[in-house]
Amino acid sequence: MEPVIIMTLITAAIFGIFYLFFSTRNKERLALIEKGADASIFMRGKQATAPIWKVLILNLALLLMGIGLGIFIALILENYTTLNGAIYPATIFLMAGLGLLIGFNMTKNLEKE
């Protein structure tokens, strides 16, 4: 019974967030159109972005390379030092985060082109 209530609340919260976002955006756009603003302001910046598939592939590749590098570094640290414990998750998350940060910077450079 409790999981049903929790899932209902989560679903309602997600629906509420999307509803508020889209209804507020619609009201703002209608207000701008009533004031005589040009409709082209809603399309600004959409032509200059990189294709989404390039961004996804770039970030996924760097994330997976970061995870692989994290496992490799953790294995080296485990064999050649006295570190034990949570070394695997720590290095995996560190390298995956570093890979995503590099991917973010590369995506910014990709969008400038």
PDB file of N, CA and C in Angstrom:
ATOM      1  N   MET A   1       0.813  -1.195   0.000  1.00  0.00           N
ATOM      2  CA  MET A   1       0.000   0.000   0.000  1.00  0.00           C
ATOM      3  C   MET A   1       0.862   1.266   0.000  1.00  0.00           C
ATOM      4  N   GLU A   2       1.915   1.238   0.810  1.00  0.00           N
ATOM      5  CA  GLU A   2       2.777   2.418   0.897  1.00  0.00           C
ATOM      6  C   GLU A   2       3.514   2.710  -0.410  1.00  0.00           C
ATOM      7  N   PRO A   3       4.030   1.691  -1.129  1.00  0.00           N
ATOM      8  CA  PRO A   3       4.690   1.999  -2.406  1.00  0.00           C
ATOM      9  C   PRO A   3       3.741   2.635  -3.421  1.00  0.00           C
ATOM     10  N   VAL A   4       2.470   2.263  -3.370  1.00  0.00           N
ATOM     11  CA  VAL A   4       1.497   2.851  -4.294  1.00  0.00           C
ATOM     12  C   VAL A   4       1.331   4.336  -3.988  1.00  0.00           C
ATOM     13  N   ILE A   5       1.271   4.679  -2.718  1.00  0.00           N
ATOM     14  CA  ILE A   5       1.129   6.085  -2.326  1.00  0.00           C
ATOM     15  C   ILE A   5       2.373   6.878  -2.728  1.00  0.00           C
ATOM     16  N   ILE A   6       3.543   6.301  -2.510  1.00  0.00           N
ATOM     17  CA  ILE A   6       4.791   6.994  -2.840  1.00  0.00           C
ATOM     18  C   ILE A   6       4.902   7.210  -4.353  1.00  0.00           C
ATOM     19  N   MET A   7       4.602   6.176  -5.128  1.00  0.00           N
ATOM     20  CA  MET A   7       4.675   6.321  -6.586  1.00  0.00           C
ATOM     21  C   MET A   7       3.641   7.317  -7.105  1.00  0.00           C
ATOM     22  N   THR A   8       2.464   7.341  -6.473  1.00  0.00           N
ATOM     23  CA  THR A   8       1.453   8.316  -6.864  1.00  0.00           C
ATOM     24  C   THR A   8       1.933   9.734  -6.584  1.00  0.00           C
ATOM     25  N   LEU A   9       2.540   9.948  -5.437  1.00  0.00           N
ATOM     26  CA  LEU A   9       3.054  11.280  -5.099  1.00  0.00           C
ATOM     27  C   LEU A   9       4.191  11.705  -6.033  1.00  0.00           C
ATOM     28  N   ILE A  10       5.077  10.777  -6.362  1.00  0.00           N
ATOM     29  CA  ILE A  10       6.180  11.105  -7.268  1.00  0.00           C
ATOM     30  C   ILE A  10       5.646  11.452  -8.650  1.00  0.00           C
ATOM     31  N   THR A  11       4.696  10.656  -9.138  1.00  0.00           N
ATOM     32  CA  THR A  11       4.108  10.928 -10.448  1.00  0.00           C
ATOM     33  C   THR A  11       3.381  12.260 -10.464  1.00  0.00           C
ATOM     34  N   ALA A  12       2.640  12.551  -9.393  1.00  0.00           N
ATOM     35  CA  ALA A  12       1.928  13.829  -9.309  1.00  0.00           C
ATOM     36  C   ALA A  12       2.906  15.006  -9.262  1.00  0.00           C
ATOM     37  N   ALA A  13       4.009  14.840  -8.555  1.00  0.00           N
ATOM     38  CA  ALA A  13       5.004  15.914  -8.481  1.00  0.00           C
ATOM     39  C   ALA A  13       5.631  16.172  -9.845  1.00  0.00           C
ATOM     40  N   ILE A  14       5.970  15.105 -10.573  1.00  0.00           N
ATOM     41  CA  ILE A  14       6.555  15.278 -11.904  1.00  0.00           C
ATOM     42  C   ILE A  14       5.552  15.930 -12.846  1.00  0.00           C
ATOM     43  N   PHE A  15       4.312  15.467 -12.811  1.00  0.00           N
ATOM     44  CA  PHE A  15       3.276  16.071 -13.643  1.00  0.00           C
ATOM     45  C   PHE A  15       3.096  17.549 -13.294  1.00  0.00           C
ATOM     46  N   GLY A  16       3.086  17.871 -12.002  1.00  0.00           N
ATOM     47  CA  GLY A  16       2.918  19.259 -11.573  1.00  0.00           C
ATOM     48  C   GLY A  16       4.038  20.157 -12.060  1.00  0.00           C
ATOM     49  N   ILE A  17       5.259  19.654 -12.012  1.00  0.00           N
ATOM     50  CA  ILE A  17       6.399  20.452 -12.470  1.00  0.00           C
ATOM     51  C   ILE A  17       6.284  20.734 -13.963  1.00  0.00           C
ATOM     52  N   PHE A  18       5.993  19.699 -14.748  1.00  0.00           N
ATOM     53  CA  PHE A  18       5.852  19.909 -16.190  1.00  0.00           C
ATOM     54  C   PHE A  18       4.671  20.823 -16.518  1.00  0.00           C
ATOM     55  N   TYR A  19       3.560  20.652 -15.809  1.00  0.00           N
ATOM     56  CA  TYR A  19       2.389  21.481 -16.056  1.00  0.00           C
ATOM     57  C   TYR A  19       2.687  22.951 -15.766  1.00  0.00           C
ATOM     58  N   LEU A  20       3.337  23.213 -14.630  1.00  0.00           N
ATOM     59  CA  LEU A  20       3.677  24.602 -14.304  1.00  0.00           C
ATOM     60  C   LEU A  20       4.658  25.187 -15.310  1.00  0.00           C
ATOM     61  N   PHE A  21       5.615  24.404 -15.733  1.00  0.00           N
ATOM     62  CA  PHE A  21       6.599  24.902 -16.687  1.00  0.00           C
ATOM     63  C   PHE A  21       5.945  25.293 -18.006  1.00  0.00           C
ATOM     64  N   PHE A  22       5.139  24.387 -18.557  1.00  0.00           N
ATOM     65  CA  PHE A  22       4.548  24.663 -19.862  1.00  0.00           C
ATOM     66  C   PHE A  22       3.440  25.710 -19.797  1.00  0.00           C
ATOM     67  N   SER A  23       2.660  25.720 -18.733  1.00  0.00           N
ATOM     68  CA  SER A  23       1.604  26.730 -18.654  1.00  0.00           C
ATOM     69  C   SER A  23       2.195  28.120 -18.440  1.00  0.00           C
ATOM     70  N   THR A  24       3.246  28.228 -17.640  1.00  0.00           N
ATOM     71  CA  THR A  24       3.894  29.521 -17.430  1.00  0.00           C
ATOM     72  C   THR A  24       4.554  30.002 -18.718  1.00  0.00           C
ATOM     73  N   ARG A  25       5.211  29.092 -19.428  1.00  0.00           N
ATOM     74  CA  ARG A  25       5.853  29.466 -20.693  1.00  0.00           C
ATOM     75  C   ARG A  25       4.816  29.943 -21.700  1.00  0.00           C
ATOM     76  N   ASN A  26       3.677  29.259 -21.760  1.00  0.00           N
ATOM     77  CA  ASN A  26       2.616  29.648 -22.684  1.00  0.00           C
ATOM     78  C   ASN A  26       2.073  31.034 -22.329  1.00  0.00           C
ATOM     79  N   LYS A  27       1.851  31.299 -21.051  1.00  0.00           N
ATOM     80  CA  LYS A  27       1.333  32.609 -20.624  1.00  0.00           C
ATOM     81  C   LYS A  27       2.324  33.725 -20.945  1.00  0.00           C
ATOM     82  N   GLU A  28       3.614  33.463 -20.725  1.00  0.00           N
ATOM     83  CA  GLU A  28       4.629  34.475 -21.036  1.00  0.00           C
ATOM     84  C   GLU A  28       4.656  34.774 -22.535  1.00  0.00           C
ATOM     85  N   ARG A  29       4.572  33.741 -23.345  1.00  0.00           N
ATOM     86  CA  ARG A  29       4.597  33.949 -24.792  1.00  0.00           C
ATOM     87  C   ARG A  29       3.355  34.690 -25.270  1.00  0.00           C
ATOM     88  N   LEU A  30       2.211  34.360 -24.727  1.00  0.00           N
ATOM     89  CA  LEU A  30       0.987  35.083 -25.102  1.00  0.00           C
ATOM     90  C   LEU A  30       1.079  36.552 -24.710  1.00  0.00           C
ATOM     91  N   ALA A  31       1.635  36.827 -23.530  1.00  0.00           N
ATOM     92  CA  ALA A  31       1.787  38.215 -23.100  1.00  0.00           C
ATOM     93  C   ALA A  31       2.730  38.975 -24.025  1.00  0.00           C
ATOM     94  N   LEU A  32       3.821  38.328 -24.451  1.00  0.00           N
ATOM     95  CA  LEU A  32       4.751  38.991 -25.369  1.00  0.00           C
ATOM     96  C   LEU A  32       4.105  39.239 -26.732  1.00  0.00           C
ATOM     97  N   ILE A  33       3.324  38.285 -27.202  1.00  0.00           N
ATOM     98  CA  ILE A  33       2.655  38.461 -28.492  1.00  0.00           C
ATOM     99  C   ILE A  33       1.623  39.576 -28.406  1.00  0.00           C
ATOM    100  N   GLU A  34       0.916  39.679 -27.282  1.00  0.00           N
ATOM    101  CA  GLU A  34      -0.069  40.756 -27.109  1.00  0.00           C
ATOM    102  C   GLU A  34       0.590  42.120 -27.100  1.00  0.00           C
ATOM    103  N   LYS A  35       1.826  42.183 -26.611  1.00  0.00           N
ATOM    104  CA  LYS A  35       2.547  43.453 -26.590  1.00  0.00           C
ATOM    105  C   LYS A  35       3.163  43.779 -27.947  1.00  0.00           C
ATOM    106  N   GLY A  36       3.071  42.859 -28.873  1.00  0.00           N
ATOM    107  CA  GLY A  36       3.571  43.129 -30.212  1.00  0.00           C
ATOM    108  C   GLY A  36       4.976  42.627 -30.469  1.00  0.00           C
ATOM    109  N   ALA A  37       5.488  41.733 -29.635  1.00  0.00           N
ATOM    110  CA  ALA A  37       6.830  41.195 -29.847  1.00  0.00           C
ATOM    111  C   ALA A  37       6.826  40.260 -31.050  1.00  0.00           C
ATOM    112  N   ASP A  38       7.952  40.206 -31.724  1.00  0.00           N
ATOM    113  CA  ASP A  38       8.087  39.343 -32.883  1.00  0.00           C
ATOM    114  C   ASP A  38       8.171  37.885 -32.434  1.00  0.00           C
ATOM    115  N   ALA A  39       7.543  36.991 -33.146  1.00  0.00           N
ATOM    116  CA  ALA A  39       7.521  35.574 -32.772  1.00  0.00           C
ATOM    117  C   ALA A  39       8.876  34.901 -32.971  1.00  0.00           C
ATOM    118  N   SER A  40       9.785  35.537 -33.673  1.00  0.00           N
ATOM    119  CA  SER A  40      11.082  34.921 -33.916  1.00  0.00           C
ATOM    120  C   SER A  40      11.938  34.860 -32.650  1.00  0.00           C
ATOM    121  N   ILE A  41      11.566  35.581 -31.592  1.00  0.00           N
ATOM    122  CA  ILE A  41      12.360  35.525 -30.363  1.00  0.00           C
ATOM    123  C   ILE A  41      12.242  34.167 -29.693  1.00  0.00           C
ATOM    124  N   PHE A  42      11.193  33.400 -30.005  1.00  0.00           N
ATOM    125  CA  PHE A  42      11.035  32.085 -29.410  1.00  0.00           C
ATOM    126  C   PHE A  42      11.929  31.052 -30.069  1.00  0.00           C
ATOM    127  N   MET A  43      12.425  31.328 -31.241  1.00  0.00           N
ATOM    128  CA  MET A  43      13.264  30.394 -31.973  1.00  0.00           C
ATOM    129  C   MET A  43      14.740  30.761 -31.886  1.00  0.00           C
ATOM    130  N   ARG A  44      15.089  31.742 -31.091  1.00  0.00           N
ATOM    131  CA  ARG A  44      16.463  32.213 -31.020  1.00  0.00           C
ATOM    132  C   ARG A  44      17.369  31.142 -30.435  1.00  0.00           C
ATOM    133  N   GLY A  45      18.503  30.915 -31.049  1.00  0.00           N
ATOM    134  CA  GLY A  45      19.496  29.992 -30.541  1.00  0.00           C
ATOM    135  C   GLY A  45      19.265  28.541 -30.918  1.00  0.00           C
ATOM    136  N   LYS A  46      18.224  28.210 -31.627  1.00  0.00           N
ATOM    137  CA  LYS A  46      17.964  26.810 -31.948  1.00  0.00           C
ATOM    138  C   LYS A  46      18.714  26.360 -33.196  1.00  0.00           C
ATOM    139  N   GLN A  47      19.121  27.271 -34.062  1.00  0.00           N
ATOM    140  CA  GLN A  47      19.817  26.871 -35.272  1.00  0.00           C
ATOM    141  C   GLN A  47      21.310  26.687 -35.031  1.00  0.00           C
ATOM    142  N   ALA A  48      21.870  27.338 -34.036  1.00  0.00           N
ATOM    143  CA  ALA A  48      23.312  27.340 -33.859  1.00  0.00           C
ATOM    144  C   ALA A  48      23.815  26.179 -33.011  1.00  0.00           C
ATOM    145  N   THR A  49      22.931  25.356 -32.459  1.00  0.00           N
ATOM    146  CA  THR A  49      23.393  24.284 -31.588  1.00  0.00           C
ATOM    147  C   THR A  49      23.836  23.078 -32.398  1.00  0.00           C
ATOM    148  N   ALA A  50      24.692  22.287 -31.766  1.00  0.00           N
ATOM    149  CA  ALA A  50      25.174  21.061 -32.403  1.00  0.00           C
ATOM    150  C   ALA A  50      24.066  20.015 -32.358  1.00  0.00           C
ATOM    151  N   PRO A  51      24.082  19.083 -33.283  1.00  0.00           N
ATOM    152  CA  PRO A  51      23.070  18.017 -33.254  1.00  0.00           C
ATOM    153  C   PRO A  51      23.144  17.233 -31.940  1.00  0.00           C
ATOM    154  N   ILE A  52      21.985  16.839 -31.437  1.00  0.00           N
ATOM    155  CA  ILE A  52      21.929  16.194 -30.125  1.00  0.00           C
ATOM    156  C   ILE A  52      22.653  14.854 -30.133  1.00  0.00           C
ATOM    157  N   TRP A  53      22.673  14.169 -31.255  1.00  0.00           N
ATOM    158  CA  TRP A  53      23.344  12.869 -31.283  1.00  0.00           C
ATOM    159  C   TRP A  53      24.844  13.009 -31.105  1.00  0.00           C
ATOM    160  N   LYS A  54      25.416  14.103 -31.618  1.00  0.00           N
ATOM    161  CA  LYS A  54      26.855  14.320 -31.431  1.00  0.00           C
ATOM    162  C   LYS A  54      27.177  14.572 -29.968  1.00  0.00           C
ATOM    163  N   VAL A  55      26.338  15.353 -29.307  1.00  0.00           N
ATOM    164  CA  VAL A  55      26.555  15.668 -27.897  1.00  0.00           C
ATOM    165  C   VAL A  55      26.404  14.409 -27.047  1.00  0.00           C
ATOM    166  N   LEU A  56      25.378  13.606 -27.326  1.00  0.00           N
ATOM    167  CA  LEU A  56      25.161  12.378 -26.555  1.00  0.00           C
ATOM    168  C   LEU A  56      26.302  11.385 -26.739  1.00  0.00           C
ATOM    169  N   ILE A  57      26.745  11.204 -27.968  1.00  0.00           N
ATOM    170  CA  ILE A  57      27.829  10.255 -28.219  1.00  0.00           C
ATOM    171  C   ILE A  57      29.120  10.734 -27.569  1.00  0.00           C
ATOM    172  N   LEU A  58      29.398  12.014 -27.663  1.00  0.00           N
ATOM    173  CA  LEU A  58      30.606  12.563 -27.055  1.00  0.00           C
ATOM    174  C   LEU A  58      30.597  12.373 -25.549  1.00  0.00           C
ATOM    175  N   ASN A  59      29.487  12.731 -24.897  1.00  0.00           N
ATOM    176  CA  ASN A  59      29.423  12.612 -23.446  1.00  0.00           C
ATOM    177  C   ASN A  59      29.398  11.157 -22.995  1.00  0.00           C
ATOM    178  N   LEU A  60      28.711  10.286 -23.713  1.00  0.00           N
ATOM    179  CA  LEU A  60      28.680   8.873 -23.355  1.00  0.00           C
ATOM    180  C   LEU A  60      30.066   8.251 -23.505  1.00  0.00           C
ATOM    181  N   ALA A  61      30.767   8.593 -24.571  1.00  0.00           N
ATOM    182  CA  ALA A  61      32.110   8.054 -24.783  1.00  0.00           C
ATOM    183  C   ALA A  61      33.055   8.501 -23.669  1.00  0.00           C
ATOM    184  N   LEU A  62      33.001   9.765 -23.323  1.00  0.00           N
ATOM    185  CA  LEU A  62      33.886  10.249 -22.271  1.00  0.00           C
ATOM    186  C   LEU A  62      33.497   9.691 -20.905  1.00  0.00           C
ATOM    187  N   LEU A  63      32.215   9.480 -20.669  1.00  0.00           N
ATOM    188  CA  LEU A  63      31.781   8.866 -19.416  1.00  0.00           C
ATOM    189  C   LEU A  63      32.299   7.441 -19.303  1.00  0.00           C
ATOM    190  N   LEU A  64      32.157   6.658 -20.365  1.00  0.00           N
ATOM    191  CA  LEU A  64      32.632   5.277 -20.329  1.00  0.00           C
ATOM    192  C   LEU A  64      34.155   5.199 -20.237  1.00  0.00           C
ATOM    193  N   MET A  65      34.858   6.111 -20.907  1.00  0.00           N
ATOM    194  CA  MET A  65      36.313   6.140 -20.778  1.00  0.00           C
ATOM    195  C   MET A  65      36.719   6.516 -19.361  1.00  0.00           C
ATOM    196  N   GLY A  66      35.972   7.429 -18.740  1.00  0.00           N
ATOM    197  CA  GLY A  66      36.252   7.794 -17.359  1.00  0.00           C
ATOM    198  C   GLY A  66      36.027   6.642 -16.404  1.00  0.00           C
ATOM    199  N   ILE A  67      34.963   5.868 -16.622  1.00  0.00           N
ATOM    200  CA  ILE A  67      34.709   4.701 -15.767  1.00  0.00           C
ATOM    201  C   ILE A  67      35.827   3.666 -15.937  1.00  0.00           C
ATOM    202  N   GLY A  68      36.218   3.419 -17.173  1.00  0.00           N
ATOM    203  CA  GLY A  68      37.310   2.476 -17.422  1.00  0.00           C
ATOM    204  C   GLY A  68      38.611   2.940 -16.796  1.00  0.00           C
ATOM    205  N   LEU A  69      38.915   4.208 -16.927  1.00  0.00           N
ATOM    206  CA  LEU A  69      40.134   4.755 -16.317  1.00  0.00           C
ATOM    207  C   LEU A  69      40.055   4.684 -14.800  1.00  0.00           C
ATOM    208  N   GLY A  70      38.870   4.908 -14.236  1.00  0.00           N
ATOM    209  CA  GLY A  70      38.697   4.809 -12.789  1.00  0.00           C
ATOM    210  C   GLY A  70      38.947   3.399 -12.283  1.00  0.00           C
ATOM    211  N   ILE A  71      38.453   2.399 -12.993  1.00  0.00           N
ATOM    212  CA  ILE A  71      38.700   1.006 -12.607  1.00  0.00           C
ATOM    213  C   ILE A  71      40.187   0.679 -12.708  1.00  0.00           C
ATOM    214  N   PHE A  72      40.813   1.150 -13.775  1.00  0.00           N
ATOM    215  CA  PHE A  72      42.243   0.897 -13.971  1.00  0.00           C
ATOM    216  C   PHE A  72      43.082   1.537 -12.862  1.00  0.00           C
ATOM    217  N   ILE A  73      42.794   2.783 -12.536  1.00  0.00           N
ATOM    218  CA  ILE A  73      43.543   3.476 -11.476  1.00  0.00           C
ATOM    219  C   ILE A  73      43.297   2.817 -10.122  1.00  0.00           C
ATOM    220  N   ALA A  74      42.056   2.394  -9.868  1.00  0.00           N
ATOM    221  CA  ALA A  74      41.752   1.728  -8.601  1.00  0.00           C
ATOM    222  C   ALA A  74      42.516   0.408  -8.488  1.00  0.00           C
ATOM    223  N   LEU A  75      42.611  -0.323  -9.589  1.00  0.00           N
ATOM    224  CA  LEU A  75      43.356  -1.585  -9.585  1.00  0.00           C
ATOM    225  C   LEU A  75      44.830  -1.339  -9.299  1.00  0.00           C
ATOM    226  N   ILE A  76      45.394  -0.312  -9.920  1.00  0.00           N
ATOM    227  CA  ILE A  76      46.803   0.026  -9.672  1.00  0.00           C
ATOM    228  C   ILE A  76      47.005   0.440  -8.221  1.00  0.00           C
ATOM    229  N   LEU A  77      46.112   1.294  -7.700  1.00  0.00           N
ATOM    230  CA  LEU A  77      46.242   1.731  -6.312  1.00  0.00           C
ATOM    231  C   LEU A  77      46.088   0.574  -5.334  1.00  0.00           C
ATOM    232  N   GLU A  78      45.220  -0.361  -5.649  1.00  0.00           N
ATOM    233  CA  GLU A  78      45.010  -1.498  -4.754  1.00  0.00           C
ATOM    234  C   GLU A  78      46.226  -2.419  -4.726  1.00  0.00           C
ATOM    235  N   ASN A  79      46.866  -2.601  -5.871  1.00  0.00           N
ATOM    236  CA  ASN A  79      48.000  -3.519  -5.941  1.00  0.00           C
ATOM    237  C   ASN A  79      49.293  -2.921  -5.415  1.00  0.00           C
ATOM    238  N   TYR A  80      49.498  -1.629  -5.594  1.00  0.00           N
ATOM    239  CA  TYR A  80      50.789  -1.034  -5.261  1.00  0.00           C
ATOM    240  C   TYR A  80      50.783  -0.149  -4.025  1.00  0.00           C
ATOM    241  N   THR A  81      49.650  -0.019  -3.353  1.00  0.00           N
ATOM    242  CA  THR A  81      49.595   0.743  -2.104  1.00  0.00           C
ATOM    243  C   THR A  81      48.877  -0.087  -1.056  1.00  0.00           C
ATOM    244  N   THR A  82      48.790   0.456   0.129  1.00  0.00           N
ATOM    245  CA  THR A  82      48.077  -0.233   1.210  1.00  0.00           C
ATOM    246  C   THR A  82      46.650   0.275   1.351  1.00  0.00           C
ATOM    247  N   LEU A  83      46.163   0.994   0.351  1.00  0.00           N
ATOM    248  CA  LEU A  83      44.789   1.501   0.408  1.00  0.00           C
ATOM    249  C   LEU A  83      43.798   0.360   0.221  1.00  0.00           C
ATOM    250  N   ASN A  84      42.800   0.326   1.068  1.00  0.00           N
ATOM    251  CA  ASN A  84      41.737  -0.666   0.962  1.00  0.00           C
ATOM    252  C   ASN A  84      40.409   0.036   1.195  1.00  0.00           C
ATOM    253  N   GLY A  85      39.342  -0.679   0.994  1.00  0.00           N
ATOM    254  CA  GLY A  85      38.034  -0.094   1.289  1.00  0.00           C
ATOM    255  C   GLY A  85      37.337   0.382   0.039  1.00  0.00           C
ATOM    256  N   ALA A  86      36.906   1.622   0.065  1.00  0.00           N
ATOM    257  CA  ALA A  86      36.064   2.181  -1.004  1.00  0.00           C
ATOM    258  C   ALA A  86      36.885   2.841  -2.098  1.00  0.00           C
ATOM    259  N   ILE A  87      38.003   2.245  -2.446  1.00  0.00           N
ATOM    260  CA  ILE A  87      38.848   2.856  -3.461  1.00  0.00           C
ATOM    261  C   ILE A  87      38.242   2.720  -4.857  1.00  0.00           C
ATOM    262  N   TYR A  88      37.565   1.604  -5.128  1.00  0.00           N
ATOM    263  CA  TYR A  88      36.960   1.417  -6.443  1.00  0.00           C
ATOM    264  C   TYR A  88      35.850   2.423  -6.723  1.00  0.00           C
ATOM    265  N   PRO A  89      34.835   2.539  -5.855  1.00  0.00           N
ATOM    266  CA  PRO A  89      33.784   3.528  -6.153  1.00  0.00           C
ATOM    267  C   PRO A  89      34.321   4.960  -6.190  1.00  0.00           C
ATOM    268  N   ALA A  90      35.285   5.251  -5.322  1.00  0.00           N
ATOM    269  CA  ALA A  90      35.819   6.616  -5.268  1.00  0.00           C
ATOM    270  C   ALA A  90      36.502   6.992  -6.573  1.00  0.00           C
ATOM    271  N   THR A  91      37.365   6.131  -7.076  1.00  0.00           N
ATOM    272  CA  THR A  91      38.068   6.475  -8.313  1.00  0.00           C
ATOM    273  C   THR A  91      37.144   6.402  -9.525  1.00  0.00           C
ATOM    274  N   ILE A  92      36.190   5.465  -9.506  1.00  0.00           N
ATOM    275  CA  ILE A  92      35.258   5.383 -10.636  1.00  0.00           C
ATOM    276  C   ILE A  92      34.428   6.653 -10.731  1.00  0.00           C
ATOM    277  N   PHE A  93      33.854   7.101  -9.606  1.00  0.00           N
ATOM    278  CA  PHE A  93      33.052   8.318  -9.633  1.00  0.00           C
ATOM    279  C   PHE A  93      33.897   9.551  -9.943  1.00  0.00           C
ATOM    280  N   LEU A  94      35.120   9.595  -9.437  1.00  0.00           N
ATOM    281  CA  LEU A  94      36.001  10.730  -9.708  1.00  0.00           C
ATOM    282  C   LEU A  94      36.326  10.822 -11.201  1.00  0.00           C
ATOM    283  N   MET A  95      36.716   9.714 -11.784  1.00  0.00           N
ATOM    284  CA  MET A  95      37.081   9.727 -13.204  1.00  0.00           C
ATOM    285  C   MET A  95      35.856   9.902 -14.106  1.00  0.00           C
ATOM    286  N   ALA A  96      34.702   9.338 -13.726  1.00  0.00           N
ATOM    287  CA  ALA A  96      33.491   9.537 -14.521  1.00  0.00           C
ATOM    288  C   ALA A  96      33.073  11.007 -14.483  1.00  0.00           C
ATOM    289  N   GLY A  97      33.150  11.626 -13.323  1.00  0.00           N
ATOM    290  CA  GLY A  97      32.838  13.054 -13.221  1.00  0.00           C
ATOM    291  C   GLY A  97      33.804  13.900 -14.018  1.00  0.00           C
ATOM    292  N   LEU A  98      35.065  13.547 -13.985  1.00  0.00           N
ATOM    293  CA  LEU A  98      36.062  14.270 -14.773  1.00  0.00           C
ATOM    294  C   LEU A  98      35.787  14.115 -16.266  1.00  0.00           C
ATOM    295  N   GLY A  99      35.386  12.910 -16.674  1.00  0.00           N
ATOM    296  CA  GLY A  99      35.043  12.685 -18.077  1.00  0.00           C
ATOM    297  C   GLY A  99      33.843  13.512 -18.507  1.00  0.00           C
ATOM    298  N   LEU A 100      32.822  13.606 -17.635  1.00  0.00           N
ATOM    299  CA  LEU A 100      31.655  14.415 -17.970  1.00  0.00           C
ATOM    300  C   LEU A 100      31.993  15.905 -18.004  1.00  0.00           C
ATOM    301  N   LEU A 101      32.884  16.344 -17.125  1.00  0.00           N
ATOM    302  CA  LEU A 101      33.310  17.747 -17.146  1.00  0.00           C
ATOM    303  C   LEU A 101      34.052  18.063 -18.446  1.00  0.00           C
ATOM    304  N   ILE A 102      34.918  17.180 -18.860  1.00  0.00           N
ATOM    305  CA  ILE A 102      35.615  17.368 -20.138  1.00  0.00           C
ATOM    306  C   ILE A 102      34.617  17.352 -21.287  1.00  0.00           C
ATOM    307  N   GLY A 103      33.634  16.460 -21.219  1.00  0.00           N
ATOM    308  CA  GLY A 103      32.601  16.402 -22.253  1.00  0.00           C
ATOM    309  C   GLY A 103      31.790  17.686 -22.318  1.00  0.00           C
ATOM    310  N   PHE A 104      31.500  18.271 -21.166  1.00  0.00           N
ATOM    311  CA  PHE A 104      30.779  19.543 -21.147  1.00  0.00           C
ATOM    312  C   PHE A 104      31.579  20.632 -21.835  1.00  0.00           C
ATOM    313  N   ASN A 105      32.862  20.708 -21.537  1.00  0.00           N
ATOM    314  CA  ASN A 105      33.710  21.720 -22.180  1.00  0.00           C
ATOM    315  C   ASN A 105      33.852  21.476 -23.676  1.00  0.00           C
ATOM    316  N   MET A 106      33.966  20.215 -24.072  1.00  0.00           N
ATOM    317  CA  MET A 106      34.070  19.913 -25.494  1.00  0.00           C
ATOM    318  C   MET A 106      32.749  20.215 -26.215  1.00  0.00           C
ATOM    319  N   THR A 107      31.625  20.023 -25.535  1.00  0.00           N
ATOM    320  CA  THR A 107      30.330  20.352 -26.130  1.00  0.00           C
ATOM    321  C   THR A 107      30.192  21.848 -26.353  1.00  0.00           C
ATOM    322  N   LYS A 108      30.673  22.646 -25.407  1.00  0.00           N
ATOM    323  CA  LYS A 108      30.658  24.097 -25.595  1.00  0.00           C
ATOM    324  C   LYS A 108      31.471  24.492 -26.805  1.00  0.00           C
ATOM    325  N   ASN A 109      32.622  23.865 -26.971  1.00  0.00           N
ATOM    326  CA  ASN A 109      33.471  24.167 -28.137  1.00  0.00           C
ATOM    327  C   ASN A 109      32.819  23.682 -29.429  1.00  0.00           C
ATOM    328  N   LEU A 110      32.107  22.552 -29.368  1.00  0.00           N
ATOM    329  CA  LEU A 110      31.425  22.018 -30.538  1.00  0.00           C
ATOM    330  C   LEU A 110      30.297  22.949 -30.987  1.00  0.00           C
ATOM    331  N   GLU A 111      29.607  23.556 -30.025  1.00  0.00           N
ATOM    332  CA  GLU A 111      28.501  24.459 -30.365  1.00  0.00           C
ATOM    333  C   GLU A 111      28.992  25.791 -30.925  1.00  0.00           C
ATOM    334  N   LYS A 112      30.242  26.162 -30.610  1.00  0.00           N
ATOM    335  CA  LYS A 112      30.791  27.414 -31.152  1.00  0.00           C
ATOM    336  C   LYS A 112      31.094  27.290 -32.637  1.00  0.00           C
ATOM    337  N   GLU A 113      31.358  26.077 -33.095  1.00  0.00           N
ATOM    338  CA  GLU A 113      31.741  25.868 -34.499  1.00  0.00           C
ATOM    339  C   GLU A 113      30.567  26.034 -35.434  1.00  0.00           C
TER     340      GLU A 113
END
